[in-house]
Amino acid sequence: MIGYESETTPLHRLDPRSKLLGQFGFAVAALAADTPPVLGVLTALAVGGLAAARLTPWRVLWSYRFVLVLLATAPLFASLRLGPPWVDPEQAPGSVVAGYQLLLVLLVSAAYVRTTPVRETRAAIQHHVPGRLGQLLGVGVALVFRLFPVLLDDLRRARLALQARSGHGLGRVEWSRRLAQTGLSRAFERATTLSLALRARCFAWNPTAPRLRFRWPDYLLLVAAAALAVSPLLR
């Protein structure tokens, strides 16, 4: 699972707000792209972002392998019909393009997660969303970023434990039931532990946030984000 790693890459030094807006602009351009030349340019930008974050595409694809399986099977389901002719292959290309668009957005998001501390993301949200709503969103994002990798690791450990106990002899339904039961049990245990830890550490809704400041590279990224966001209107 990809998480934040402290380094000194150019993306690490950018303000989280400019990176969030950069992601937004890229997502708008990617979801509106429908021709090979445009998708090729966006692919080059996404791979360049990964290189700037010192991430390889293979590491990101492996981290998102379960999502890739869903994207790979989407064209099959898009081709199915409830009545004759039952299968319509003409619907598959559109689903393939949509899946590739989502993949590009995931690549850029991985570069953001890799280069942005959770506390800076929380500070960026609370800075622009006032009041308790901003605090709630900031806390929610921070908890998701920190807990999601832990829950995935718990699920992986549960799967390995089932395999070690000859779980391969179980049927698929029983296998899935036991894995889901173990995963939910661990999730509730994590939630209880988190609640106790927050109280023990005097959890504050509005802690002292890190200082956020735009530098000249952030303004360049904002210009690029604006250009990407309006690019669909120019085609």
Protein backbone atom coordinates (compact mmCIF):
# COMPACT_ATOMS: atom_id res chain seq x y z
CA MET A 1 0.00 0.00 0.00
CA ILE A 2 1.35 3.41 -0.96
CA GLY A 3 1.69 5.92 1.87
CA TYR A 4 3.56 9.09 2.66
CA GLU A 5 7.34 8.82 2.67
CA SER A 6 9.53 11.74 3.75
CA GLU A 7 11.93 12.82 1.00
CA THR A 8 13.07 15.99 -0.74
CA THR A 9 11.51 15.60 -4.17
CA PRO A 10 10.01 18.68 -5.90
CA LEU A 11 6.50 17.37 -5.21
CA HIS A 12 7.25 17.05 -1.49
CA ARG A 13 8.03 20.77 -1.35
CA LEU A 14 4.76 21.86 -2.98
CA ASP A 15 1.84 23.20 -0.97
CA PRO A 16 -0.89 20.55 -0.49
CA ARG A 17 -3.53 22.97 -1.77
CA SER A 18 -1.81 23.38 -5.13
CA LYS A 19 -1.43 19.60 -5.38
CA LEU A 20 -5.12 19.07 -4.63
CA LEU A 21 -6.11 21.59 -7.29
CA GLY A 22 -3.63 20.00 -9.68
CA GLN A 23 -5.35 16.65 -9.12
CA PHE A 24 -8.73 18.24 -9.74
CA GLY A 25 -7.62 19.82 -13.03
CA PHE A 26 -6.04 16.57 -14.19
CA ALA A 27 -9.16 14.57 -13.26
CA VAL A 28 -11.38 16.93 -15.28
CA ALA A 29 -9.12 16.62 -18.31
CA ALA A 30 -8.75 12.84 -17.94
CA LEU A 31 -12.46 12.10 -17.55
CA ALA A 32 -13.25 14.26 -20.60
CA ALA A 33 -10.51 12.77 -22.80
CA ASP A 34 -11.76 10.40 -25.49
CA THR A 35 -9.10 10.41 -28.21
CA PRO A 36 -5.76 8.54 -28.28
CA PRO A 37 -3.60 11.71 -28.69
CA VAL A 38 -5.14 13.39 -25.64
CA LEU A 39 -4.96 10.22 -23.57
CA GLY A 40 -1.32 9.84 -24.63
CA VAL A 41 -0.47 13.36 -23.40
CA LEU A 42 -2.26 12.75 -20.09
CA THR A 43 -0.49 9.41 -19.71
CA ALA A 44 2.86 11.17 -20.13
CA LEU A 45 1.86 13.74 -17.49
CA ALA A 46 0.78 11.01 -15.06
CA VAL A 47 3.99 9.02 -15.53
CA GLY A 48 6.00 12.23 -15.16
CA GLY A 49 4.22 12.94 -11.88
CA LEU A 50 5.10 9.48 -10.62
CA ALA A 51 8.72 10.00 -11.61
CA ALA A 52 8.78 13.33 -9.74
CA ALA A 53 7.45 11.52 -6.66
CA ARG A 54 10.03 8.74 -7.14
CA LEU A 55 7.35 6.14 -7.76
CA THR A 56 7.39 3.52 -10.48
CA PRO A 57 4.20 2.72 -12.42
CA TRP A 58 4.63 -0.96 -11.56
CA ARG A 59 4.56 -0.26 -7.82
CA VAL A 60 1.39 1.79 -8.17
CA LEU A 61 -0.29 -0.81 -10.38
CA TRP A 62 0.55 -3.54 -7.89
CA SER A 63 -0.86 -1.48 -5.02
CA TYR A 64 -4.09 -0.97 -7.00
CA ARG A 65 -4.22 -4.53 -8.34
CA PHE A 66 -7.68 -5.22 -6.91
CA VAL A 67 -9.04 -2.07 -8.52
CA LEU A 68 -7.40 -3.09 -11.80
CA VAL A 69 -9.22 -6.41 -11.70
CA LEU A 70 -12.54 -4.55 -11.44
CA LEU A 71 -11.58 -2.21 -14.28
CA ALA A 72 -10.50 -5.16 -16.43
CA THR A 73 -13.83 -6.97 -15.98
CA ALA A 74 -15.94 -3.84 -16.52
CA PRO A 75 -15.98 -4.18 -20.36
CA LEU A 76 -17.37 -7.70 -20.01
CA PHE A 77 -20.23 -6.58 -17.79
CA ALA A 78 -20.86 -3.56 -20.02
CA SER A 79 -21.35 -5.90 -22.98
CA LEU A 80 -23.96 -8.07 -21.27
CA ARG A 81 -27.67 -7.54 -21.92
CA LEU A 82 -30.75 -8.90 -20.14
CA GLY A 83 -32.34 -9.94 -23.42
CA PRO A 84 -31.39 -10.91 -26.99
CA PRO A 85 -28.74 -10.60 -28.33
CA TRP A 86 -27.47 -10.98 -24.69
CA VAL A 87 -24.02 -9.66 -25.61
CA ASP A 88 -23.35 -6.30 -27.29
CA PRO A 89 -19.58 -5.97 -28.02
CA GLU A 90 -20.01 -2.39 -29.21
CA GLN A 91 -20.40 -1.29 -25.58
CA ALA A 92 -16.99 -2.64 -24.54
CA PRO A 93 -14.72 0.07 -26.08
CA GLY A 94 -16.42 2.84 -24.12
CA SER A 95 -15.95 0.91 -20.90
CA VAL A 96 -12.26 0.33 -21.71
CA VAL A 97 -11.71 4.06 -22.24
CA ALA A 98 -13.54 4.91 -19.01
CA GLY A 99 -11.42 2.40 -17.10
CA TYR A 100 -8.21 3.87 -18.51
CA GLN A 101 -9.35 7.37 -17.56
CA LEU A 102 -9.88 6.24 -13.96
CA LEU A 103 -6.47 4.55 -13.99
CA LEU A 104 -4.79 7.83 -14.94
CA VAL A 105 -6.54 9.59 -12.04
CA LEU A 106 -5.36 6.85 -9.67
CA LEU A 107 -1.75 7.29 -10.83
CA VAL A 108 -1.83 11.01 -10.06
CA SER A 109 -3.52 10.36 -6.71
CA ALA A 110 -0.76 7.93 -5.79
CA ALA A 111 1.83 10.65 -6.39
CA TYR A 112 -0.12 12.95 -4.05
CA VAL A 113 -0.38 10.35 -1.27
CA ARG A 114 3.31 9.54 -1.62
CA THR A 115 4.43 13.17 -1.22
CA THR A 116 1.92 14.77 1.17
CA PRO A 117 1.78 14.27 4.96
CA VAL A 118 -1.68 13.56 6.32
CA ARG A 119 -1.51 16.54 8.69
CA GLU A 120 -0.92 18.90 5.75
CA THR A 121 -3.94 17.52 3.90
CA ARG A 122 -6.02 18.03 7.01
CA ALA A 123 -4.71 21.57 7.40
CA ALA A 124 -5.53 22.37 3.76
CA ILE A 125 -9.12 21.18 4.18
CA GLN A 126 -9.71 22.99 7.47
CA HIS A 127 -8.14 26.17 6.10
CA HIS A 128 -10.74 26.46 3.33
CA VAL A 129 -13.81 24.83 4.92
CA PRO A 130 -14.72 26.92 7.96
CA GLY A 131 -16.23 25.80 11.24
CA ARG A 132 -16.96 22.36 12.58
CA LEU A 133 -17.66 21.00 9.08
CA GLY A 134 -14.07 21.68 8.04
CA GLN A 135 -12.79 20.11 11.24
CA LEU A 136 -14.97 17.04 10.68
CA LEU A 137 -13.80 16.66 7.08
CA GLY A 138 -10.18 17.13 8.10
CA VAL A 139 -10.39 14.51 10.83
CA GLY A 140 -12.22 12.12 8.52
CA VAL A 141 -9.59 12.40 5.79
CA ALA A 142 -6.77 12.00 8.31
CA LEU A 143 -8.31 8.87 9.82
CA VAL A 144 -9.00 7.30 6.41
CA PHE A 145 -5.43 7.90 5.24
CA ARG A 146 -4.01 6.37 8.41
CA LEU A 147 -6.43 3.50 9.01
CA PHE A 148 -7.11 2.22 5.50
CA PRO A 149 -3.60 0.74 4.99
CA VAL A 150 -3.81 -0.87 8.44
CA LEU A 151 -7.16 -2.48 7.66
CA LEU A 152 -5.86 -3.78 4.34
CA ASP A 153 -2.88 -5.31 6.12
CA ASP A 154 -5.23 -6.97 8.64
CA LEU A 155 -7.24 -8.43 5.76
CA ARG A 156 -4.07 -9.71 4.10
CA ARG A 157 -2.96 -11.36 7.35
CA ALA A 158 -6.38 -12.99 7.76
CA ARG A 159 -6.19 -14.38 4.24
CA LEU A 160 -2.72 -15.81 4.87
CA ALA A 161 -3.92 -17.35 8.15
CA LEU A 162 -6.80 -19.07 6.36
CA GLN A 163 -4.42 -20.45 3.77
CA ALA A 164 -2.05 -21.73 6.47
CA ARG A 165 -4.94 -23.56 8.14
CA SER A 166 -5.91 -25.42 4.96
CA GLY A 167 -8.57 -22.92 4.13
CA HIS A 168 -8.18 -23.77 0.44
CA GLY A 169 -10.33 -26.83 1.12
CA LEU A 170 -13.32 -24.64 1.98
CA GLY A 171 -15.86 -23.63 -0.59
CA ARG A 172 -15.79 -20.09 -2.00
CA VAL A 173 -18.83 -19.04 -0.01
CA GLU A 174 -17.42 -20.33 3.30
CA TRP A 175 -13.99 -18.85 2.50
CA SER A 176 -15.53 -15.43 1.80
CA ARG A 177 -17.71 -15.62 4.92
CA ARG A 178 -14.81 -16.39 7.23
CA LEU A 179 -12.57 -13.76 5.65
CA ALA A 180 -15.28 -11.11 5.89
CA GLN A 181 -16.06 -12.06 9.50
CA THR A 182 -12.40 -11.84 10.50
CA GLY A 183 -11.94 -8.57 8.64
CA LEU A 184 -14.97 -6.95 10.29
CA SER A 185 -13.90 -8.19 13.71
CA ARG A 186 -10.45 -6.65 13.27
CA ALA A 187 -11.98 -3.41 11.99
CA PHE A 188 -14.14 -3.05 15.11
CA GLU A 189 -11.15 -3.84 17.31
CA ARG A 190 -9.13 -1.15 15.51
CA ALA A 191 -11.97 1.34 15.97
CA THR A 192 -12.15 0.63 19.72
CA THR A 193 -8.38 0.98 20.08
CA LEU A 194 -8.45 4.21 18.08
CA SER A 195 -11.16 5.65 20.32
CA LEU A 196 -9.14 4.90 23.45
CA ALA A 197 -5.96 6.31 21.90
CA LEU A 198 -7.69 9.57 20.90
CA ARG A 199 -9.02 10.06 24.43
CA ALA A 200 -5.67 9.18 26.00
CA ARG A 201 -3.89 11.71 23.82
CA CYS A 202 -6.41 14.51 24.49
CA PHE A 203 -7.71 14.59 20.93
CA ALA A 204 -8.40 18.12 19.72
CA TRP A 205 -10.77 19.08 16.91
CA ASN A 206 -8.68 22.09 16.01
CA PRO A 207 -4.98 21.39 16.73
CA THR A 208 -2.16 23.69 15.70
CA ALA A 209 -1.88 23.16 11.96
CA PRO A 210 1.37 23.25 10.00
CA ARG A 211 2.08 26.47 8.17
CA LEU A 212 1.02 26.43 4.53
CA ARG A 213 2.66 28.79 2.07
CA PHE A 214 2.60 29.09 -1.69
CA ARG A 215 5.90 29.34 -3.57
CA TRP A 216 6.50 30.03 -7.23
CA PRO A 217 6.31 26.32 -8.24
CA ASP A 218 2.85 26.19 -6.65
CA TYR A 219 1.65 29.01 -8.89
CA LEU A 220 2.99 27.18 -11.94
CA LEU A 221 1.04 24.10 -10.88
CA LEU A 222 -2.11 26.20 -10.45
CA VAL A 223 -1.73 27.54 -13.99
CA ALA A 224 -1.28 24.01 -15.31
CA ALA A 225 -4.33 22.83 -13.32
CA ALA A 226 -6.46 25.63 -14.75
CA ALA A 227 -5.28 24.82 -18.28
CA LEU A 228 -6.15 21.16 -17.81
CA ALA A 229 -9.56 21.97 -16.36
CA VAL A 230 -10.58 24.18 -19.30
CA SER A 231 -8.93 22.03 -21.98
CA PRO A 232 -12.13 19.99 -22.63
CA LEU A 233 -13.89 23.22 -23.59
CA LEU A 234 -11.26 24.01 -26.22
CA ARG A 235 -11.61 20.76 -28.12
